[in-house]
Amino acid sequence: MKKIIFALALGLSMNVSANEKFTCDDLGGMSATMSELMTALQQAGSIQEGDEVDTGLRELIDGLKLVAEVEQESDLNDYVARTEEGWNNMDGTTLSEGLVGVKNSLDRLIQRDCN
């Protein structure tokens, strides 16, 4: 799971630095990786505050904030905020709801911009 989080966070930081909208391939890759991440989080069951997964999620949330800003999508921004709320409160339900919303928002962007 650490590898999934790292790969997604790294991909976000590399693409966001250009400060331009993401390509369809970028969005598709993010969506697919979000699916893998959600599955891995469900299988892990719990996250300990301060562990590598917890730290990776912080980096992921920071990257997702930049994606929401670049894409100028309020729904995506709201779900990223929900994800962050769940992470801050160590609330797995809220974290999961936020991640599902992020995934769905990415899929809507793909549908709108790429299909």
C-alpha atoms as a PDB file:
ATOM      1  CA  MET A   1       0.000   0.000   0.000  1.00  0.00           C
ATOM      2  CA  LYS A   2       2.886   2.376   0.728  1.00  0.00           C
ATOM      3  CA  LYS A   3       4.018   1.956  -2.867  1.00  0.00           C
ATOM      4  CA  ILE A   4       0.546   2.835  -4.189  1.00  0.00           C
ATOM      5  CA  ILE A   5       0.332   5.986  -2.061  1.00  0.00           C
ATOM      6  CA  PHE A   6       3.880   7.003  -2.962  1.00  0.00           C
ATOM      7  CA  ALA A   7       3.298   6.452  -6.675  1.00  0.00           C
ATOM      8  CA  LEU A   8       0.089   8.470  -6.672  1.00  0.00           C
ATOM      9  CA  ALA A   9       1.553  11.298  -4.576  1.00  0.00           C
ATOM     10  CA  LEU A  10       4.698  11.430  -6.735  1.00  0.00           C
ATOM     11  CA  GLY A  11       2.646  11.457  -9.934  1.00  0.00           C
ATOM     12  CA  LEU A  12       0.482  14.259  -8.603  1.00  0.00           C
ATOM     13  CA  SER A  13       3.445  16.401  -7.588  1.00  0.00           C
ATOM     14  CA  MET A  14       5.228  15.916 -10.912  1.00  0.00           C
ATOM     15  CA  ASN A  15       2.175  16.762 -12.997  1.00  0.00           C
ATOM     16  CA  VAL A  16       0.871  19.600 -10.854  1.00  0.00           C
ATOM     17  CA  SER A  17       4.154  21.463 -10.956  1.00  0.00           C
ATOM     18  CA  ALA A  18       3.433  22.312 -14.573  1.00  0.00           C
ATOM     19  CA  ASN A  19       0.347  24.205 -13.312  1.00  0.00           C
ATOM     20  CA  GLU A  20      -1.786  23.136 -16.248  1.00  0.00           C
ATOM     21  CA  LYS A  21      -4.788  20.863 -16.585  1.00  0.00           C
ATOM     22  CA  PHE A  22      -4.128  17.160 -16.481  1.00  0.00           C
ATOM     23  CA  THR A  23      -4.225  15.030 -19.600  1.00  0.00           C
ATOM     24  CA  CYS A  24      -6.805  12.294 -20.030  1.00  0.00           C
ATOM     25  CA  ASP A  25      -4.061   9.733 -19.431  1.00  0.00           C
ATOM     26  CA  ASP A  26      -3.110  11.487 -16.178  1.00  0.00           C
ATOM     27  CA  LEU A  27      -6.709  11.506 -14.971  1.00  0.00           C
ATOM     28  CA  GLY A  28      -7.210   7.873 -15.949  1.00  0.00           C
ATOM     29  CA  GLY A  29      -4.050   6.861 -14.134  1.00  0.00           C
ATOM     30  CA  MET A  30      -5.085   8.753 -11.011  1.00  0.00           C
ATOM     31  CA  SER A  31      -8.529   7.160 -11.060  1.00  0.00           C
ATOM     32  CA  ALA A  32      -7.102   3.658 -11.443  1.00  0.00           C
ATOM     33  CA  THR A  33      -4.568   4.235  -8.680  1.00  0.00           C
ATOM     34  CA  MET A  34      -7.291   5.626  -6.390  1.00  0.00           C
ATOM     35  CA  SER A  35      -9.171   2.336  -6.878  1.00  0.00           C
ATOM     36  CA  GLU A  36      -6.069   0.364  -5.926  1.00  0.00           C
ATOM     37  CA  LEU A  37      -5.497   2.603  -2.913  1.00  0.00           C
ATOM     38  CA  MET A  38      -9.057   2.206  -1.632  1.00  0.00           C
ATOM     39  CA  THR A  39      -8.804  -1.584  -1.934  1.00  0.00           C
ATOM     40  CA  ALA A  40      -5.450  -1.595  -0.142  1.00  0.00           C
ATOM     41  CA  LEU A  41      -6.791   0.601   2.672  1.00  0.00           C
ATOM     42  CA  GLN A  42      -9.777  -1.714   3.168  1.00  0.00           C
ATOM     43  CA  GLN A  43      -7.468  -4.719   3.346  1.00  0.00           C
ATOM     44  CA  ALA A  44      -5.101  -2.994   5.790  1.00  0.00           C
ATOM     45  CA  GLY A  45      -7.942  -2.335   8.204  1.00  0.00           C
ATOM     46  CA  SER A  46      -6.262   0.363  10.280  1.00  0.00           C
ATOM     47  CA  ILE A  47      -3.611   3.043  10.084  1.00  0.00           C
ATOM     48  CA  GLN A  48      -1.448   4.080  12.997  1.00  0.00           C
ATOM     49  CA  GLU A  49      -0.819   7.772  13.522  1.00  0.00           C
ATOM     50  CA  GLY A  50       2.690   8.655  12.380  1.00  0.00           C
ATOM     51  CA  ASP A  51       3.364   5.452  10.436  1.00  0.00           C
ATOM     52  CA  GLU A  52       4.491   5.448   6.802  1.00  0.00           C
ATOM     53  CA  VAL A  53       0.958   4.984   5.487  1.00  0.00           C
ATOM     54  CA  ASP A  54      -0.292   7.885   7.605  1.00  0.00           C
ATOM     55  CA  THR A  55       2.534  10.095   6.319  1.00  0.00           C
ATOM     56  CA  GLY A  56       1.882   8.958   2.753  1.00  0.00           C
ATOM     57  CA  LEU A  57      -1.784   9.861   3.068  1.00  0.00           C
ATOM     58  CA  ARG A  58      -0.796  13.385   4.163  1.00  0.00           C
ATOM     59  CA  GLU A  59       1.314  13.744   1.019  1.00  0.00           C
ATOM     60  CA  LEU A  60      -1.506  12.313  -1.082  1.00  0.00           C
ATOM     61  CA  ILE A  61      -4.014  14.781   0.367  1.00  0.00           C
ATOM     62  CA  ASP A  62      -1.639  17.673  -0.355  1.00  0.00           C
ATOM     63  CA  GLY A  63      -1.324  16.458  -3.952  1.00  0.00           C
ATOM     64  CA  LEU A  64      -5.080  16.067  -4.328  1.00  0.00           C
ATOM     65  CA  LYS A  65      -5.574  19.638  -3.092  1.00  0.00           C
ATOM     66  CA  LEU A  66      -3.373  20.813  -5.934  1.00  0.00           C
ATOM     67  CA  VAL A  67      -5.306  18.706  -8.449  1.00  0.00           C
ATOM     68  CA  ALA A  68      -8.584  20.253  -7.261  1.00  0.00           C
ATOM     69  CA  GLU A  69      -7.057  23.721  -7.554  1.00  0.00           C
ATOM     70  CA  VAL A  70      -5.652  23.139 -11.043  1.00  0.00           C
ATOM     71  CA  GLU A  71      -8.845  21.520 -12.309  1.00  0.00           C
ATOM     72  CA  GLN A  72     -11.009  24.173 -10.574  1.00  0.00           C
ATOM     73  CA  GLU A  73     -13.566  21.579  -9.504  1.00  0.00           C
ATOM     74  CA  SER A  74     -15.523  22.439  -6.358  1.00  0.00           C
ATOM     75  CA  ASP A  75     -16.863  18.895  -5.900  1.00  0.00           C
ATOM     76  CA  LEU A  76     -13.346  17.481  -6.042  1.00  0.00           C
ATOM     77  CA  ASN A  77     -12.202  20.148  -3.592  1.00  0.00           C
ATOM     78  CA  ASP A  78     -15.062  19.229  -1.207  1.00  0.00           C
ATOM     79  CA  TYR A  79     -14.157  15.529  -1.312  1.00  0.00           C
ATOM     80  CA  VAL A  80     -10.484  16.265  -0.764  1.00  0.00           C
ATOM     81  CA  ALA A  81     -11.500  18.327   2.284  1.00  0.00           C
ATOM     82  CA  ARG A  82     -13.600  15.385   3.520  1.00  0.00           C
ATOM     83  CA  THR A  83     -10.636  13.058   3.020  1.00  0.00           C
ATOM     84  CA  GLU A  84      -8.443  15.438   4.986  1.00  0.00           C
ATOM     85  CA  GLU A  85     -11.037  15.670   7.750  1.00  0.00           C
ATOM     86  CA  GLY A  86     -11.073  11.884   8.049  1.00  0.00           C
ATOM     87  CA  TRP A  87      -7.279  11.776   8.069  1.00  0.00           C
ATOM     88  CA  ASN A  88      -6.994  14.537  10.692  1.00  0.00           C
ATOM     89  CA  ASN A  89      -9.537  12.835  12.958  1.00  0.00           C
ATOM     90  CA  MET A  90      -8.218   9.310  12.290  1.00  0.00           C
ATOM     91  CA  ASP A  91     -11.802   8.514  11.183  1.00  0.00           C
ATOM     92  CA  GLY A  92     -11.711   5.684   8.667  1.00  0.00           C
ATOM     93  CA  THR A  93     -15.323   6.128   7.587  1.00  0.00           C
ATOM     94  CA  THR A  94     -14.926   9.804   6.728  1.00  0.00           C
ATOM     95  CA  LEU A  95     -11.558   9.134   5.082  1.00  0.00           C
ATOM     96  CA  SER A  96     -13.097   6.387   2.935  1.00  0.00           C
ATOM     97  CA  GLU A  97     -16.105   8.523   2.006  1.00  0.00           C
ATOM     98  CA  GLY A  98     -13.761  11.314   0.929  1.00  0.00           C
ATOM     99  CA  LEU A  99     -11.604   8.972  -1.146  1.00  0.00           C
ATOM    100  CA  VAL A 100     -14.669   7.502  -2.871  1.00  0.00           C
ATOM    101  CA  GLY A 101     -15.823  11.037  -3.655  1.00  0.00           C
ATOM    102  CA  VAL A 102     -12.388  11.936  -5.025  1.00  0.00           C
ATOM    103  CA  LYS A 103     -12.444   8.836  -7.236  1.00  0.00           C
ATOM    104  CA  ASN A 104     -15.946   9.643  -8.488  1.00  0.00           C
ATOM    105  CA  SER A 105     -14.945  13.254  -9.163  1.00  0.00           C
ATOM    106  CA  LEU A 106     -11.945  12.106 -11.192  1.00  0.00           C
ATOM    107  CA  ASP A 107     -14.230   9.784 -13.164  1.00  0.00           C
ATOM    108  CA  ARG A 108     -16.604  12.715 -13.850  1.00  0.00           C
ATOM    109  CA  LEU A 109     -13.674  14.783 -15.119  1.00  0.00           C
ATOM    110  CA  ILE A 110     -12.701  11.935 -17.420  1.00  0.00           C
ATOM    111  CA  GLN A 111     -16.280  11.620 -18.666  1.00  0.00           C
ATOM    112  CA  ARG A 112     -16.555  15.365 -19.238  1.00  0.00           C
ATOM    113  CA  ASP A 113     -13.157  16.039 -20.770  1.00  0.00           C
ATOM    114  CA  CYS A 114     -12.094  12.781 -22.394  1.00  0.00           C
ATOM    115  CA  ASN A 115     -15.152  10.981 -23.742  1.00  0.00           C
END
